[in-house]
């Protein structure tokens, strides 16, 4: 699932060249980059959840990112990426084309100390790549938003008040989501808070809210698991009395279907970690909408009450009233 958005960046940006080049040491870091005055910022992003988080802070200014910004790495003033070795091809491409006045801000790398990296079956320590999916854990997504705010205020002080106001409003929505997850999780018996997923995207979320990730079908090599590994997961599901198995709407898994069938455990194949809900411009097409969808799905499949989550307003903080009437 991670590669879909990145391939789009590579295809449209391949061949771009800039007359202004810079070195890695000058450009990679959220504290680099020159102040921009007299024109809008040009912002580029990578995966859709990061685009949505950045848009919530930049919304209402001419610098609000659009999906097409991924094709303009050589003209970007700021490139926000997740980091933690998630988007290396895109990062390398950006470094080959970035302006001397620009910078690449790795949000995950910025907010997560190395001592808190999570390594697991899909992201083993010997591979050198920690689990990068911080955005599925709302408190960490709030830290992303804080970094975005600080970078935009520093790079574009003319619009500082807008960025500050947007962050305050967005933080309230994240806090409401956090509270709702706590309330909904409390309705699931502790021994049922177990996750077996297609993609290992919920490690930080699970650690924060008291879930246990017992496995993910997609190993570090992105190959199909071996028959031995499948057999071990089937035994684990039976022994731990797992209540539901979670697959991906984007990448259906015959392996998870097989495990569900052989264990008589419900298979839910609609989770998504970086593919936003609905169509662009829709009220649920946001990081908030994506998180609500996933967490409602998880809570209800595990026998909990998701009412607190369903009542959330997941619209972006800056919205078109004609599209999203109150």
Protein backbone atom coordinates (compact mmCIF):
# COMPACT_ATOMS: atom_id res chain seq x y z
CA UNK A 1 0.00 0.00 0.00
CA UNK A 2 2.89 2.34 0.69
CA UNK A 3 4.20 2.36 -2.84
CA UNK A 4 1.13 3.48 -4.76
CA UNK A 5 1.49 7.17 -4.01
CA UNK A 6 5.27 7.13 -4.27
CA UNK A 7 5.22 5.63 -7.75
CA UNK A 8 2.96 8.48 -8.85
CA UNK A 9 5.57 10.94 -7.65
CA UNK A 10 8.38 9.14 -9.45
CA UNK A 11 6.54 8.79 -12.75
CA UNK A 12 5.54 12.43 -13.04
CA UNK A 13 8.79 13.85 -11.68
CA UNK A 14 11.34 11.72 -13.53
CA UNK A 15 13.43 13.83 -15.84
CA UNK A 16 12.87 17.09 -13.99
CA UNK A 17 16.00 19.11 -13.47
CA UNK A 18 16.75 22.31 -11.66
CA UNK A 19 19.44 24.85 -12.30
CA UNK A 20 19.75 25.32 -8.54
CA UNK A 21 21.06 22.27 -6.69
CA UNK A 22 21.94 21.87 -3.06
CA UNK A 23 23.57 19.28 -0.83
CA UNK A 24 21.88 16.86 1.53
CA UNK A 25 23.26 18.66 4.57
CA UNK A 26 21.76 21.95 3.41
CA UNK A 27 18.31 20.70 2.55
CA UNK A 28 17.23 17.75 4.72
CA UNK A 29 15.89 19.10 7.97
CA UNK A 30 12.79 20.94 9.11
CA UNK A 31 14.88 23.91 10.27
CA UNK A 32 16.43 24.67 6.87
CA UNK A 33 15.11 26.83 4.03
CA UNK A 34 14.91 30.55 3.41
CA UNK A 35 12.10 32.90 4.42
CA UNK A 36 9.68 33.55 1.55
CA UNK A 37 8.11 36.99 1.14
CA UNK A 38 5.98 38.55 -1.55
CA UNK A 39 4.66 35.30 -3.02
CA UNK A 40 2.93 32.11 -1.88
CA UNK A 41 4.90 29.12 -0.67
CA UNK A 42 5.12 26.16 -3.02
CA UNK A 43 4.53 23.05 -0.92
CA UNK A 44 4.97 19.44 -2.03
CA UNK A 45 4.00 16.34 -0.06
CA UNK A 46 4.10 12.56 -0.46
CA UNK A 47 1.56 10.14 1.01
CA UNK A 48 -2.08 11.27 1.20
CA UNK A 49 -2.40 11.44 5.02
CA UNK A 50 0.56 13.83 5.16
CA UNK A 51 -0.93 15.91 2.34
CA UNK A 52 -4.14 16.16 4.38
CA UNK A 53 -2.38 17.12 7.61
CA UNK A 54 -0.33 19.80 5.83
CA UNK A 55 -3.44 21.11 4.04
CA UNK A 56 -5.23 21.55 7.37
CA UNK A 57 -2.45 23.86 8.57
CA UNK A 58 -1.85 25.68 5.26
CA UNK A 59 -5.56 25.98 4.33
CA UNK A 60 -6.82 29.47 3.65
CA UNK A 61 -3.53 30.64 2.15
CA UNK A 62 -2.35 30.47 -1.42
CA UNK A 63 0.24 27.91 -0.32
CA UNK A 64 -2.24 25.13 0.40
CA UNK A 65 -0.86 21.93 -1.20
CA UNK A 66 -2.63 20.21 -4.06
CA UNK A 67 -2.11 16.62 -5.27
CA UNK A 68 -0.38 17.96 -8.39
CA UNK A 69 2.35 19.47 -6.20
CA UNK A 70 3.99 16.06 -6.13
CA UNK A 71 4.99 16.69 -9.76
CA UNK A 72 6.83 19.93 -8.98
CA UNK A 73 9.63 18.86 -6.67
CA UNK A 74 12.14 21.08 -8.45
CA UNK A 75 10.08 24.23 -7.80
CA UNK A 76 8.98 23.40 -4.24
CA UNK A 77 10.00 25.61 -1.33
CA UNK A 78 9.18 22.90 1.21
CA UNK A 79 8.78 19.16 0.68
CA UNK A 80 7.03 17.44 3.58
CA UNK A 81 7.65 13.70 3.73
CA UNK A 82 7.12 11.08 6.40
CA UNK A 83 10.74 9.99 6.65
CA UNK A 84 11.82 6.96 8.69
CA UNK A 85 13.03 5.46 5.39
CA UNK A 86 9.50 5.33 3.91
CA UNK A 87 10.01 7.39 0.73
CA UNK A 88 13.68 7.02 -0.19
CA UNK A 89 13.19 7.00 -4.01
CA UNK A 90 11.17 10.22 -3.78
CA UNK A 91 13.64 11.75 -1.33
CA UNK A 92 16.55 10.94 -3.64
CA UNK A 93 14.69 12.46 -6.57
CA UNK A 94 13.94 15.59 -4.57
CA UNK A 95 17.57 15.92 -3.50
CA UNK A 96 18.65 15.73 -7.12
CA UNK A 97 16.38 18.63 -8.07
CA UNK A 98 15.76 20.77 -4.99
CA UNK A 99 16.44 24.52 -4.98
CA UNK A 100 19.11 25.95 -2.73
CA UNK A 101 16.46 27.94 -0.86
CA UNK A 102 14.23 24.89 -0.20
CA UNK A 103 14.18 22.13 2.37
CA UNK A 104 12.87 18.61 2.93
CA UNK A 105 11.09 18.17 6.26
CA UNK A 106 10.87 14.53 7.42
CA UNK A 107 7.99 14.66 9.89
CA UNK A 108 8.32 11.18 11.38
CA UNK A 109 12.07 11.45 11.73
CA UNK A 110 11.64 14.85 13.37
CA UNK A 111 9.14 13.83 16.06
CA UNK A 112 10.17 10.27 16.95
CA UNK A 113 13.36 9.69 18.98
CA UNK A 114 15.38 6.71 17.80
CA UNK A 115 14.85 5.12 21.22
CA UNK A 116 11.12 4.90 20.43
CA UNK A 117 11.43 3.28 16.98
CA UNK A 118 9.29 0.17 16.64
CA UNK A 119 10.81 -2.80 14.80
CA UNK A 120 8.73 -5.90 14.19
CA UNK A 121 7.94 -8.72 11.75
CA UNK A 122 7.37 -6.40 8.78
CA UNK A 123 10.10 -3.96 9.80
CA UNK A 124 12.89 -5.99 11.44
CA UNK A 125 15.74 -4.12 13.10
CA UNK A 126 18.33 -5.87 10.96
CA UNK A 127 16.68 -4.30 7.92
CA UNK A 128 17.41 -0.83 9.25
CA UNK A 129 13.89 0.47 8.59
CA UNK A 130 11.66 1.19 11.60
CA UNK A 131 7.89 0.99 11.28
CA UNK A 132 7.08 4.40 9.71
CA UNK A 133 3.30 4.53 10.28
CA UNK A 134 3.16 7.22 12.96
CA UNK A 135 0.17 8.99 11.39
CA UNK A 136 -2.26 6.23 12.42
CA UNK A 137 -1.60 7.23 16.05
CA UNK A 138 -3.44 10.57 16.59
CA UNK A 139 -1.08 12.06 19.23
CA UNK A 140 1.82 11.54 16.81
CA UNK A 141 -0.18 13.05 13.96
CA UNK A 142 -0.69 16.08 16.21
CA UNK A 143 3.09 16.30 16.56
CA UNK A 144 3.32 16.23 12.76
CA UNK A 145 0.89 19.15 12.62
CA UNK A 146 2.93 21.08 15.18
CA UNK A 147 6.07 20.69 13.10
CA UNK A 148 4.20 21.73 9.95
CA UNK A 149 2.91 24.83 11.74
CA UNK A 150 6.37 25.78 12.98
CA UNK A 151 7.95 25.31 9.55
CA UNK A 152 5.26 27.31 7.75
CA UNK A 153 5.36 30.14 10.30
CA UNK A 154 9.15 30.36 9.95
CA UNK A 155 9.21 30.14 6.15
CA UNK A 156 6.13 32.33 5.55
CA UNK A 157 5.78 34.79 8.46
CA UNK A 158 3.26 36.89 6.51
CA UNK A 159 0.64 34.17 7.04
CA UNK A 160 1.77 33.15 10.53
CA UNK A 161 -1.55 34.05 12.17
CA UNK A 162 -3.43 31.79 9.73
CA UNK A 163 -1.12 28.86 10.37
CA UNK A 164 -1.41 29.32 14.13
CA UNK A 165 -5.21 29.54 13.98
CA UNK A 166 -5.50 26.51 11.69
CA UNK A 167 -3.28 24.45 13.96
CA UNK A 168 -5.32 25.36 17.04
CA UNK A 169 -8.55 24.29 15.31
CA UNK A 170 -6.98 21.11 13.92
CA UNK A 171 -5.48 20.20 17.30
CA UNK A 172 -8.94 20.37 18.86
CA UNK A 173 -10.22 17.90 16.27
CA UNK A 174 -7.28 15.55 16.90
CA UNK A 175 -7.86 15.75 20.65
CA UNK A 176 -11.54 14.92 20.09
CA UNK A 177 -10.52 11.92 17.98
CA UNK A 178 -8.07 10.82 20.67
CA UNK A 179 -10.76 11.05 23.35
CA UNK A 180 -13.25 9.15 21.20
CA UNK A 181 -10.77 6.33 20.60
CA UNK A 182 -10.18 6.04 24.34
CA UNK A 183 -13.92 5.87 24.98
CA UNK A 184 -14.54 3.35 22.19
CA UNK A 185 -11.56 1.17 23.16
CA UNK A 186 -12.86 0.92 26.73
CA UNK A 187 -15.95 -0.85 25.36
CA UNK A 188 -13.81 -3.71 23.95
CA UNK A 189 -12.86 -6.42 26.46
CA UNK A 190 -9.12 -6.25 27.07
CA UNK A 191 -8.57 -9.81 25.89
CA UNK A 192 -10.19 -8.93 22.53
CA UNK A 193 -7.93 -5.97 21.69
CA UNK A 194 -5.85 -7.96 19.20
CA UNK A 195 -4.94 -6.99 15.66
CA UNK A 196 -4.00 -9.29 12.80
CA UNK A 197 -3.74 -7.11 9.69
CA UNK A 198 -2.64 -7.24 6.08
CA UNK A 199 -0.18 -4.33 6.41
CA UNK A 200 1.72 -3.52 9.60
CA UNK A 201 0.37 0.03 9.88
CA UNK A 202 -0.97 0.20 13.43
CA UNK A 203 2.03 -0.50 15.69
CA UNK A 204 2.21 2.98 17.29
CA UNK A 205 -1.58 3.21 17.54
CA UNK A 206 -1.68 -0.19 19.25
CA UNK A 207 1.03 0.72 21.74
CA UNK A 208 -0.74 3.96 22.66
CA UNK A 209 -4.28 2.60 23.06
CA UNK A 210 -3.59 -0.82 24.55
CA UNK A 211 -4.01 -3.12 21.55
CA UNK A 212 -1.74 -6.04 20.69
CA UNK A 213 -0.60 -6.55 17.11
CA UNK A 214 -0.23 -10.32 16.83
CA UNK A 215 0.89 -10.29 13.21
CA UNK A 216 0.78 -8.80 9.73
CA UNK A 217 0.56 -10.84 6.54
CA UNK A 218 2.85 -8.58 4.55
CA UNK A 219 6.43 -9.40 5.62
CA UNK A 220 9.43 -7.09 5.26
CA UNK A 221 10.21 -8.49 1.80
CA UNK A 222 6.63 -7.80 0.61
CA UNK A 223 6.47 -11.41 -0.58
CA UNK A 224 3.60 -13.71 0.32
CA UNK A 225 4.11 -15.51 3.67
CA UNK A 226 5.30 -19.10 3.52
CA UNK A 227 2.95 -22.03 4.26
CA UNK A 228 4.80 -22.47 7.57
CA UNK A 229 4.17 -18.82 8.51
CA UNK A 230 0.52 -19.14 7.56
CA UNK A 231 0.18 -22.25 9.68
CA UNK A 232 1.74 -20.47 12.65
CA UNK A 233 -0.70 -17.56 12.27
CA UNK A 234 -3.66 -19.96 12.10
CA UNK A 235 -2.54 -21.55 15.38
CA UNK A 236 -2.02 -18.11 16.91
CA UNK A 237 -5.49 -16.95 15.90
CA UNK A 238 -7.04 -20.07 17.42
CA UNK A 239 -4.96 -20.02 20.59
CA UNK A 240 -5.48 -16.30 21.26
CA UNK A 241 -9.18 -16.43 20.31
CA UNK A 242 -8.83 -13.53 17.90
CA UNK A 243 -12.25 -12.07 17.12
CA UNK A 244 -11.57 -10.49 13.70
CA UNK A 245 -8.90 -10.43 11.00
CA UNK A 246 -8.33 -7.16 9.15
CA UNK A 247 -7.52 -6.93 5.48
CA UNK A 248 -7.05 -4.08 3.04
CA UNK A 249 -9.62 -2.68 0.63
CA UNK A 250 -6.80 -1.68 -1.71
CA UNK A 251 -4.93 -5.02 -1.62
CA UNK A 252 -7.28 -7.95 -0.92
CA UNK A 253 -5.48 -10.89 0.69
CA UNK A 254 -6.34 -14.47 -0.17
CA UNK A 255 -4.07 -15.49 2.72
CA UNK A 256 -6.18 -13.61 5.26
CA UNK A 257 -9.31 -15.06 3.70
CA UNK A 258 -7.79 -18.52 4.10
CA UNK A 259 -6.91 -17.87 7.74
CA UNK A 260 -10.41 -16.55 8.41
CA UNK A 261 -12.01 -19.58 6.76
CA UNK A 262 -9.81 -22.12 8.58
CA UNK A 263 -10.32 -20.51 11.97
CA UNK A 264 -13.98 -19.47 11.53
CA UNK A 265 -12.95 -15.89 12.39
CA UNK A 266 -14.58 -12.91 10.71
CA UNK A 267 -12.48 -11.40 7.90
CA UNK A 268 -12.91 -7.61 7.47
CA UNK A 269 -11.25 -6.44 4.26
CA UNK A 270 -11.79 -2.66 4.23
CA UNK A 271 -8.97 -1.12 6.28
CA UNK A 272 -6.72 1.44 4.60
CA UNK A 273 -3.72 3.25 6.01
CA UNK A 274 -2.88 5.84 3.35
CA UNK A 275 -5.84 5.91 0.95
CA UNK A 276 -8.30 8.65 1.97
CA UNK A 277 -12.03 8.02 2.16
CA UNK A 278 -14.32 9.29 -0.59
CA UNK A 279 -13.44 11.68 -3.39
CA UNK A 280 -11.36 14.89 -3.25
CA UNK A 281 -13.53 17.72 -1.96
CA UNK A 282 -15.80 15.40 0.00
CA UNK A 283 -16.36 15.96 3.74
CA UNK A 284 -14.69 12.64 4.71
CA UNK A 285 -11.74 12.95 2.30
CA UNK A 286 -9.27 13.84 5.03
CA UNK A 287 -6.83 12.30 7.47
CA UNK A 288 -9.52 12.68 10.13
CA UNK A 289 -12.05 10.87 7.95
CA UNK A 290 -9.60 8.08 7.23
CA UNK A 291 -8.79 7.57 10.91
CA UNK A 292 -12.44 7.59 11.94
CA UNK A 293 -13.26 5.00 9.26
CA UNK A 294 -10.45 2.67 10.32
CA UNK A 295 -11.07 2.94 14.05
CA UNK A 296 -14.85 2.50 13.72
CA UNK A 297 -14.14 -0.60 11.64
CA UNK A 298 -11.70 -2.00 14.20
CA UNK A 299 -13.85 -1.25 17.25
CA UNK A 300 -17.06 -2.69 15.83
CA UNK A 301 -15.36 -5.81 14.45
CA UNK A 302 -13.90 -6.50 17.89
CA UNK A 303 -17.30 -6.17 19.54
CA UNK A 304 -17.03 -2.61 20.87
CA UNK A 305 -19.25 0.46 20.68
CA UNK A 306 -18.01 3.05 18.16
CA UNK A 307 -20.69 5.69 18.88
CA UNK A 308 -18.16 8.20 20.22
CA UNK A 309 -16.19 7.95 16.98
CA UNK A 310 -19.20 8.15 14.69
CA UNK A 311 -20.26 11.49 16.16
CA UNK A 312 -16.98 13.22 15.25
CA UNK A 313 -16.77 16.06 12.72
CA UNK A 314 -14.00 14.95 10.36
CA UNK A 315 -14.11 17.86 7.92
CA UNK A 316 -10.92 19.80 7.31
CA UNK A 317 -10.62 22.91 9.46
CA UNK A 318 -10.77 25.19 6.41
CA UNK A 319 -13.77 24.12 4.36
CA UNK A 320 -15.89 25.31 1.48
CA UNK A 321 -19.25 26.13 3.08
CA UNK A 322 -21.01 25.62 -0.25
CA UNK A 323 -19.81 22.01 -0.29
CA UNK A 324 -20.00 21.34 3.44
CA UNK A 325 -23.00 23.22 4.83
CA UNK A 326 -23.40 23.24 8.61
